[in-house]
Amino acid sequence: MAQDRQVMHVHDDVMAALDRVMDPELGRTITDLGMVAGVDVIPAGGAAHVQGAPSVAEGRPDSDTDAPAWDVTVHLELTVPGCPLSDTIRRRITAALEGYPGGRLNVAIDTTTMSHDKLEALVERLKAERRANPFTRKDSKTRVFAIASGKGGVGKSSVTANLAATFAALGYDTAAIDADIYGFSLPRLFGVTDQPTNLDGMLVPPERWGVRLMSIGVFAGSDRAILWRGPRLQRSLEQFLTDVWWGEPDVLLLDLAPGTGDMTISVAQTLPNAELVIVTTPQPSASEVAVRAGLVSLQMPMQVDGVIENMSYFDHRGERLNVFGEGGGERVSAKLTRDLGYDVPLLARLPLVPELRETTEAGRPAVLNADGSLADTDVARSFVDMAHALMEHPGPSKG
């Protein structure tokens, strides 16, 4: 009887530890998702067990004969066959059970796949919790930043990718949507080649550099031309918001198409709490149209949080060369502040750095080191300052 109580105590402790193991795609614990079908516990070399038949243990050998030893088998059910993150889940389970104070655990993980009925019930529960567009709920904690520009070629997508990677590296739960349907580029900038995981009709976005990403490019391929009219563009954004499991990110960034076309209108309609960030370059031809992109907020319920001047200068042996002129960011900031009636600050003046383009286009945001940590560079520090400024800026009221 005493041994049975010990076994039950170890079993409960193991389940409590598994309650803290997060699924890397769905952002919920594996117990909440029903992925733990059972846990077997037996004394090492013994016969007592709890919940199912014992399995052969694979774990650390008994090395401390004074401490009690337990053979623990976790029965794990993945949501889809061949889940690409199964190794990550297994490592998290092992890590959660290391250092158990009640003795040594020899851990084995028996991995199978959920039945169709169980997966279907899970998806229905998640869909019910999501309640259509999750980002328009009054209780949503997500800040939505729409990165816009008046014209193409100003580096808007590069800014979006590096800002998203910065948020993630700073510890924010971060997601991004490539809303530039015709000119999608975020998959390349993040090095994403995988398609979303399909959970019985609900899509789980691929994640790279800590950012969950959805883009038409992950379906169409980088060399595919998209020929869609306005209504289908709007529907694509709605599907990105409602048919994808985002969890509850702290930050959602949207890379808008240049100008003030259909997708900008769709964003305003589907995400009325979105906050605009305007990207320009120094020359008048870019800054003048950037002002028009910001003035969209006079007709739509979006506030403008600030302006980013990209390609501001080129540092040549300590001398700043204004390759594209100067003053564009200041002009956009001043005009929007005047016309909108509130302060629209110049958030940053980013230099023209070839490495920024080369590294990002190779699939790693340039603000990051190869291990995903923030780089110790002036550009990375500028993005960190921008991220802090945006999060400190008061967001729009959700009514």
Protein backbone atom coordinates (compact mmCIF):
# COMPACT_ATOMS: atom_id res chain seq x y z
CA MET A 1 0.00 0.00 0.00
CA ALA A 2 2.81 2.43 0.83
CA GLN A 3 4.41 1.73 -2.53
CA ASP A 4 1.09 2.31 -4.29
CA ARG A 5 0.80 5.71 -2.62
CA GLN A 6 4.34 6.55 -3.71
CA VAL A 7 3.54 5.55 -7.29
CA MET A 8 0.40 7.71 -7.31
CA HIS A 9 2.40 10.62 -5.87
CA VAL A 10 5.04 10.32 -8.62
CA HIS A 11 2.31 10.02 -11.25
CA ASP A 12 0.63 13.21 -10.05
CA ASP A 13 3.97 15.03 -9.99
CA VAL A 14 4.72 13.94 -13.56
CA MET A 15 1.30 15.12 -14.76
CA ALA A 16 1.83 18.47 -13.02
CA ALA A 17 5.16 18.85 -14.83
CA LEU A 18 3.54 17.98 -18.17
CA ASP A 19 0.92 20.66 -17.50
CA ARG A 20 3.70 23.19 -18.12
CA VAL A 21 4.92 21.74 -21.43
CA MET A 22 3.79 23.94 -24.33
CA ASP A 23 3.02 22.72 -27.83
CA PRO A 24 5.29 24.90 -30.04
CA GLU A 25 2.68 25.37 -32.77
CA LEU A 26 -0.60 25.86 -30.89
CA GLY A 27 0.79 27.67 -27.87
CA ARG A 28 -1.19 25.51 -25.42
CA THR A 29 0.01 22.90 -22.97
CA ILE A 30 0.11 19.36 -24.24
CA THR A 31 -2.27 18.31 -21.47
CA ASP A 32 -4.79 21.01 -22.37
CA LEU A 33 -4.68 19.81 -25.97
CA GLY A 34 -5.26 16.20 -24.90
CA MET A 35 -1.91 15.09 -26.30
CA VAL A 36 -1.02 13.16 -23.12
CA ALA A 37 -3.04 9.95 -23.42
CA GLY A 38 -1.61 8.52 -20.21
CA VAL A 39 1.40 8.14 -17.96
CA ASP A 40 2.75 4.84 -16.61
CA VAL A 41 4.86 4.80 -13.47
CA ILE A 42 6.58 1.77 -11.95
CA PRO A 43 9.44 1.44 -9.49
CA ALA A 44 12.58 0.66 -11.43
CA GLY A 45 12.65 -3.10 -11.69
CA GLY A 46 9.24 -3.35 -10.00
CA ALA A 47 5.71 -4.23 -11.07
CA ALA A 48 3.41 -1.57 -9.59
CA HIS A 49 2.03 0.80 -12.21
CA VAL A 50 -0.53 3.49 -12.83
CA GLN A 51 -2.63 4.12 -15.94
CA GLY A 52 -1.76 1.58 -18.59
CA ALA A 53 0.78 -1.10 -19.15
CA PRO A 54 4.42 -0.41 -18.43
CA SER A 55 6.80 0.13 -21.34
CA VAL A 56 10.51 -0.42 -21.70
CA ALA A 57 12.21 2.69 -20.35
CA GLU A 58 14.78 4.68 -22.25
CA GLY A 59 16.55 7.13 -19.98
CA ARG A 60 19.37 7.78 -17.66
CA PRO A 61 20.88 4.71 -16.04
CA ASP A 62 20.55 4.30 -12.30
CA SER A 63 23.68 5.79 -10.83
CA ASP A 64 22.61 6.83 -7.34
CA THR A 65 21.49 3.70 -5.50
CA ASP A 66 20.36 5.69 -2.46
CA ALA A 67 17.62 7.61 -4.34
CA PRO A 68 14.37 5.90 -5.41
CA ALA A 69 14.20 5.25 -9.13
CA TRP A 70 11.08 5.22 -11.28
CA ASP A 71 10.44 4.06 -14.82
CA VAL A 72 8.06 6.59 -16.40
CA THR A 73 6.39 6.18 -19.79
CA VAL A 74 4.56 9.17 -21.25
CA HIS A 75 2.01 8.21 -23.91
CA LEU A 76 2.08 11.15 -26.33
CA GLU A 77 -0.46 11.59 -29.12
CA LEU A 78 0.61 14.01 -31.87
CA THR A 79 -2.03 15.99 -33.72
CA VAL A 80 -0.80 14.95 -37.17
CA PRO A 81 1.32 12.06 -38.45
CA GLY A 82 4.96 12.95 -38.90
CA CYS A 83 4.62 16.19 -36.95
CA PRO A 84 7.77 18.20 -37.83
CA LEU A 85 8.02 19.49 -34.25
CA SER A 86 7.68 16.12 -32.53
CA ASP A 87 11.35 16.14 -31.52
CA THR A 88 10.87 19.58 -29.94
CA ILE A 89 7.89 18.32 -27.93
CA ARG A 90 9.82 15.26 -26.80
CA ARG A 91 12.77 17.40 -25.71
CA ARG A 92 10.44 19.67 -23.75
CA ILE A 93 8.89 16.70 -21.99
CA THR A 94 12.30 15.32 -21.08
CA ALA A 95 13.46 18.72 -19.84
CA ALA A 96 10.30 19.17 -17.74
CA LEU A 97 10.94 15.87 -15.96
CA GLU A 98 14.64 16.39 -15.30
CA GLY A 99 15.75 17.07 -11.76
CA TYR A 100 12.70 15.45 -10.18
CA PRO A 101 13.15 15.88 -6.40
CA GLY A 102 11.36 12.67 -5.53
CA GLY A 103 13.93 10.39 -7.10
CA ARG A 104 15.42 9.54 -10.45
CA LEU A 105 13.11 9.22 -13.44
CA ASN A 106 13.98 6.95 -16.35
CA VAL A 107 11.73 8.51 -18.99
CA ALA A 108 10.38 6.88 -22.14
CA ILE A 109 8.02 8.65 -24.55
CA ASP A 110 5.65 6.44 -26.50
CA THR A 111 4.50 8.47 -29.53
CA THR A 112 1.39 7.85 -31.61
CA THR A 113 -1.12 10.01 -33.49
CA MET A 114 -4.55 11.23 -32.39
CA SER A 115 -7.59 9.51 -33.82
CA HIS A 116 -9.54 11.50 -36.39
CA ASP A 117 -12.48 11.91 -34.00
CA LYS A 118 -10.27 13.22 -31.21
CA LEU A 119 -8.50 15.65 -33.56
CA GLU A 120 -11.82 16.83 -34.97
CA ALA A 121 -13.15 17.52 -31.48
CA LEU A 122 -9.96 19.42 -30.58
CA VAL A 123 -10.16 21.58 -33.71
CA GLU A 124 -13.82 22.37 -33.07
CA ARG A 125 -12.98 23.44 -29.52
CA LEU A 126 -10.15 25.68 -30.71
CA LYS A 127 -12.34 27.22 -33.42
CA ALA A 128 -15.08 27.93 -30.87
CA GLU A 129 -12.56 29.64 -28.60
CA ARG A 130 -11.24 31.72 -31.49
CA ARG A 131 -14.69 33.16 -32.31
CA ALA A 132 -14.08 34.42 -35.85
CA ASN A 133 -11.49 37.22 -36.09
CA PRO A 134 -9.60 36.95 -32.79
CA PHE A 135 -7.92 40.34 -33.08
CA THR A 136 -11.10 42.44 -32.91
CA ARG A 137 -12.23 41.16 -29.53
CA LYS A 138 -12.32 43.76 -26.78
CA ASP A 139 -10.26 41.45 -24.57
CA SER A 140 -7.56 40.89 -27.21
CA LYS A 141 -4.11 41.80 -25.92
CA THR A 142 -2.55 41.86 -29.42
CA ARG A 143 -1.06 45.06 -30.78
CA VAL A 144 -1.49 45.13 -34.56
CA PHE A 145 1.06 47.17 -36.52
CA ALA A 146 0.48 47.62 -40.26
CA ILE A 147 3.71 48.59 -42.04
CA ALA A 148 2.84 50.81 -45.00
CA SER A 149 4.54 52.87 -47.69
CA GLY A 150 3.43 55.14 -50.48
CA LYS A 151 5.52 53.39 -53.13
CA GLY A 152 7.51 50.23 -53.66
CA GLY A 153 11.27 49.94 -53.35
CA VAL A 154 11.64 51.73 -50.01
CA GLY A 155 12.46 48.58 -48.02
CA LYS A 156 9.09 48.19 -46.31
CA SER A 157 9.20 44.38 -46.28
CA SER A 158 12.76 44.35 -44.95
CA VAL A 159 11.69 46.73 -42.18
CA THR A 160 8.71 44.50 -41.39
CA ALA A 161 10.84 41.34 -41.22
CA ASN A 162 13.52 42.88 -39.03
CA LEU A 163 11.01 44.58 -36.74
CA ALA A 164 9.09 41.31 -36.29
CA ALA A 165 12.33 39.43 -35.55
CA THR A 166 13.29 42.13 -33.04
CA PHE A 167 9.98 41.82 -31.20
CA ALA A 168 10.43 38.04 -31.03
CA ALA A 169 14.03 38.31 -29.80
CA LEU A 170 12.87 40.72 -27.08
CA GLY A 171 10.50 38.05 -25.79
CA TYR A 172 7.23 39.12 -27.38
CA ASP A 173 4.97 36.43 -28.81
CA THR A 174 5.08 37.59 -32.42
CA ALA A 175 3.14 36.87 -35.62
CA ALA A 176 3.31 38.37 -39.10
CA ILE A 177 1.03 38.40 -42.14
CA ASP A 178 2.33 39.11 -45.62
CA ALA A 179 -0.58 41.24 -46.83
CA ASP A 180 1.24 42.19 -50.02
CA ILE A 181 -0.49 39.48 -52.05
CA TYR A 182 0.98 40.46 -55.42
CA GLY A 183 4.50 41.18 -54.17
CA PHE A 184 4.87 38.79 -51.24
CA SER A 185 8.42 38.55 -49.94
CA LEU A 186 8.31 37.67 -46.23
CA PRO A 187 8.78 33.91 -46.79
CA ARG A 188 12.12 34.58 -48.47
CA LEU A 189 13.16 37.15 -45.87
CA PHE A 190 12.47 34.68 -43.05
CA GLY A 191 13.77 31.64 -44.91
CA VAL A 192 10.39 29.89 -44.70
CA THR A 193 9.86 27.04 -47.14
CA ASP A 194 7.35 24.91 -45.21
CA GLN A 195 3.63 25.08 -45.79
CA PRO A 196 1.27 25.54 -42.81
CA THR A 197 0.24 22.43 -40.90
CA ASN A 198 -3.35 21.49 -41.73
CA LEU A 199 -5.22 20.35 -38.62
CA ASP A 200 -8.49 19.07 -40.04
CA GLY A 201 -9.13 22.34 -41.89
CA MET A 202 -7.46 24.71 -39.43
CA LEU A 203 -4.03 25.98 -40.47
CA VAL A 204 -1.09 26.33 -38.08
CA PRO A 205 1.41 28.83 -39.53
CA PRO A 206 5.08 27.93 -39.91
CA GLU A 207 7.45 29.60 -37.46
CA ARG A 208 10.93 30.91 -38.14
CA TRP A 209 13.19 33.07 -35.99
CA GLY A 210 10.48 33.14 -33.34
CA VAL A 211 7.86 34.62 -35.70
CA ARG A 212 4.73 32.78 -36.85
CA LEU A 213 4.20 33.72 -40.50
CA MET A 214 1.36 33.48 -42.98
CA SER A 215 1.76 34.46 -46.63
CA ILE A 216 0.20 33.48 -49.90
CA GLY A 217 3.80 32.76 -50.87
CA VAL A 218 3.91 29.61 -48.72
CA PHE A 219 1.19 28.17 -50.96
CA ALA A 220 1.92 29.71 -54.36
CA GLY A 221 5.70 29.45 -54.46
CA SER A 222 8.09 32.31 -55.03
CA ASP A 223 7.82 32.25 -58.85
CA ARG A 224 4.03 32.23 -59.10
CA ALA A 225 2.12 35.31 -60.28
CA ILE A 226 -1.09 36.14 -58.39
CA LEU A 227 -3.92 37.60 -60.49
CA TRP A 228 -6.73 38.45 -58.06
CA ARG A 229 -9.31 41.20 -57.97
CA GLY A 230 -10.28 43.23 -54.90
CA PRO A 231 -12.97 40.95 -53.36
CA ARG A 232 -10.66 37.94 -53.43
CA LEU A 233 -7.89 40.01 -51.86
CA GLN A 234 -10.17 40.88 -48.96
CA ARG A 235 -11.22 37.27 -48.58
CA SER A 236 -7.58 36.17 -48.44
CA LEU A 237 -6.93 38.49 -45.49
CA GLU A 238 -10.08 37.30 -43.73
CA GLN A 239 -8.93 33.70 -44.16
CA PHE A 240 -5.48 34.54 -42.83
CA LEU A 241 -7.18 35.90 -39.72
CA THR A 242 -9.98 33.41 -39.15
CA ASP A 243 -8.81 30.08 -40.63
CA VAL A 244 -5.37 30.18 -39.02
CA TRP A 245 -4.60 29.32 -35.41
CA TRP A 246 -2.62 32.29 -34.11
CA GLY A 247 -3.08 31.74 -30.40
CA GLU A 248 -2.90 35.13 -28.71
CA PRO A 249 0.28 36.89 -29.83
CA ASP A 250 1.51 40.05 -28.17
CA VAL A 251 2.28 41.58 -31.56
CA LEU A 252 0.93 41.06 -35.08
CA LEU A 253 2.70 42.82 -37.96
CA LEU A 254 1.23 43.20 -41.43
CA ASP A 255 3.38 43.92 -44.45
CA LEU A 256 0.98 45.96 -46.59
CA ALA A 257 1.16 46.43 -50.34
CA PRO A 258 2.52 49.83 -51.41
CA GLY A 259 0.00 52.63 -51.82
CA THR A 260 -3.59 52.88 -50.64
CA GLY A 261 -5.33 50.16 -52.61
CA ASP A 262 -7.73 47.34 -51.85
CA MET A 263 -5.63 45.58 -49.21
CA THR A 264 -5.22 48.74 -47.13
CA ILE A 265 -8.99 49.19 -47.17
CA SER A 266 -9.44 45.52 -46.20
CA VAL A 267 -7.06 45.91 -43.28
CA ALA A 268 -9.00 48.93 -42.04
CA GLN A 269 -12.27 47.01 -42.29
CA THR A 270 -11.12 43.73 -40.77
CA LEU A 271 -8.61 45.14 -38.25
CA PRO A 272 -9.96 48.54 -37.17
CA ASN A 273 -7.53 48.60 -34.25
CA ALA A 274 -4.49 48.36 -36.53
CA GLU A 275 -1.82 51.01 -36.07
CA LEU A 276 0.02 52.34 -39.11
CA VAL A 277 3.80 52.68 -39.33
CA ILE A 278 4.91 54.56 -42.46
CA VAL A 279 8.18 53.70 -44.22
CA THR A 280 9.81 56.20 -46.57
CA THR A 281 13.20 57.06 -48.03
CA PRO A 282 14.75 60.56 -47.96
CA GLN A 283 13.94 61.73 -51.50
CA PRO A 284 10.82 63.84 -52.17
CA SER A 285 9.35 61.33 -54.65
CA ALA A 286 9.07 58.80 -51.82
CA SER A 287 8.19 61.10 -48.94
CA GLU A 288 5.34 62.84 -50.80
CA VAL A 289 3.50 59.59 -51.51
CA ALA A 290 4.31 58.31 -48.01
CA VAL A 291 2.28 61.21 -46.62
CA ARG A 292 -0.71 60.04 -48.65
CA ALA A 293 -0.35 56.56 -47.18
CA GLY A 294 -0.49 58.06 -43.70
CA LEU A 295 -3.47 60.29 -44.49
CA VAL A 296 -5.53 57.14 -45.08
CA SER A 297 -6.18 57.31 -41.34
CA LEU A 298 -8.34 60.41 -41.87
CA GLN A 299 -10.88 58.21 -43.67
CA MET A 300 -10.35 54.93 -41.83
CA PRO A 301 -10.21 54.09 -38.12
CA MET A 302 -6.45 53.64 -37.89
CA GLN A 303 -3.94 55.74 -36.00
CA VAL A 304 -0.42 56.45 -37.27
CA ASP A 305 2.23 55.61 -34.69
CA GLY A 306 5.28 56.93 -36.49
CA VAL A 307 7.54 57.17 -39.51
CA ILE A 308 10.68 55.21 -40.40
CA GLU A 309 13.18 56.69 -42.85
CA ASN A 310 15.04 53.87 -44.57
CA MET A 311 18.25 54.18 -46.63
CA SER A 312 18.88 57.51 -44.92
CA TYR A 313 22.61 57.63 -45.54
CA PHE A 314 25.64 55.54 -46.42
CA ASP A 315 28.52 55.46 -43.95
CA HIS A 316 31.75 55.67 -45.99
CA ARG A 317 34.77 55.52 -43.69
CA GLY A 318 33.03 57.57 -41.06
CA GLU A 319 31.51 60.07 -43.47
CA ARG A 320 27.74 60.04 -43.94
CA LEU A 321 26.83 60.26 -47.61
CA ASN A 322 23.22 61.25 -48.37
CA VAL A 323 22.89 59.04 -51.44
CA PHE A 324 19.12 59.59 -51.77
CA GLY A 325 18.95 63.14 -50.48
CA GLU A 326 17.83 63.99 -46.99
CA GLY A 327 14.93 65.09 -44.87
CA GLY A 328 12.23 62.77 -46.18
CA GLY A 329 11.39 61.25 -42.81
CA GLU A 330 11.22 64.65 -41.13
CA ARG A 331 8.93 65.99 -43.88
CA VAL A 332 6.53 63.03 -43.57
CA SER A 333 6.52 63.26 -39.77
CA ALA A 334 5.85 67.01 -39.80
CA LYS A 335 3.08 66.86 -42.43
CA LEU A 336 1.27 63.97 -40.77
CA THR A 337 1.53 65.63 -37.36
CA ARG A 338 0.00 68.79 -38.80
CA ASP A 339 -2.75 67.14 -40.86
CA LEU A 340 -3.76 64.46 -38.36
CA GLY A 341 -3.69 66.73 -35.34
CA TYR A 342 -1.51 64.55 -33.14
CA ASP A 343 2.18 63.75 -32.84
CA VAL A 344 3.51 61.36 -35.48
CA PRO A 345 7.18 60.95 -34.53
CA LEU A 346 10.13 60.00 -36.69
CA LEU A 347 10.97 56.64 -35.11
CA ALA A 348 14.30 55.98 -36.82
CA ARG A 349 16.68 56.89 -39.64
CA LEU A 350 18.09 53.60 -40.90
CA PRO A 351 21.36 53.66 -42.86
CA LEU A 352 21.91 52.14 -46.27
CA VAL A 353 23.76 48.97 -45.27
CA PRO A 354 24.36 46.35 -48.00
CA GLU A 355 24.73 43.65 -45.35
CA LEU A 356 21.21 44.42 -44.14
CA ARG A 357 19.77 43.54 -47.54
CA GLU A 358 22.09 40.61 -48.21
CA THR A 359 21.59 38.90 -44.86
CA THR A 360 17.83 39.41 -44.79
CA GLU A 361 17.32 38.23 -48.36
CA ALA A 362 19.33 35.12 -47.51
CA GLY A 363 16.61 34.14 -45.01
CA ARG A 364 17.82 35.61 -41.70
CA PRO A 365 16.68 39.03 -40.49
CA ALA A 366 19.86 41.08 -40.22
CA VAL A 367 19.08 42.20 -36.67
CA LEU A 368 19.76 38.62 -35.54
CA ASN A 369 22.86 36.55 -35.08
CA ALA A 370 22.91 33.04 -36.53
CA ASP A 371 21.70 31.65 -33.17
CA GLY A 372 18.64 33.95 -33.16
CA SER A 373 19.94 36.41 -30.57
CA LEU A 374 19.97 40.12 -31.24
CA ALA A 375 23.09 41.34 -33.05
CA ASP A 376 25.32 43.94 -31.44
CA THR A 377 25.04 46.45 -34.30
CA ASP A 378 23.77 49.99 -34.70
CA VAL A 379 20.98 48.78 -36.98
CA ALA A 380 19.82 46.15 -34.47
CA ARG A 381 19.86 48.74 -31.70
CA SER A 382 17.74 51.05 -33.86
CA PHE A 383 15.15 48.30 -34.30
CA VAL A 384 15.17 47.60 -30.56
CA ASP A 385 14.50 51.29 -29.90
CA MET A 386 11.66 51.23 -32.45
CA ALA A 387 10.09 48.15 -30.87
CA HIS A 388 10.17 49.73 -27.42
CA ALA A 389 8.76 53.01 -28.75
CA LEU A 390 5.87 51.26 -30.49
CA MET A 391 4.94 49.19 -27.44
CA GLU A 392 5.14 52.26 -25.20
CA HIS A 393 2.93 54.24 -27.57
CA PRO A 394 -0.69 54.12 -26.36
CA GLY A 395 -2.70 51.87 -28.62
CA PRO A 396 -6.14 52.76 -29.98
CA SER A 397 -9.18 52.31 -27.78
CA LYS A 398 -11.09 49.10 -28.50
CA GLY A 399 -14.37 50.66 -27.52
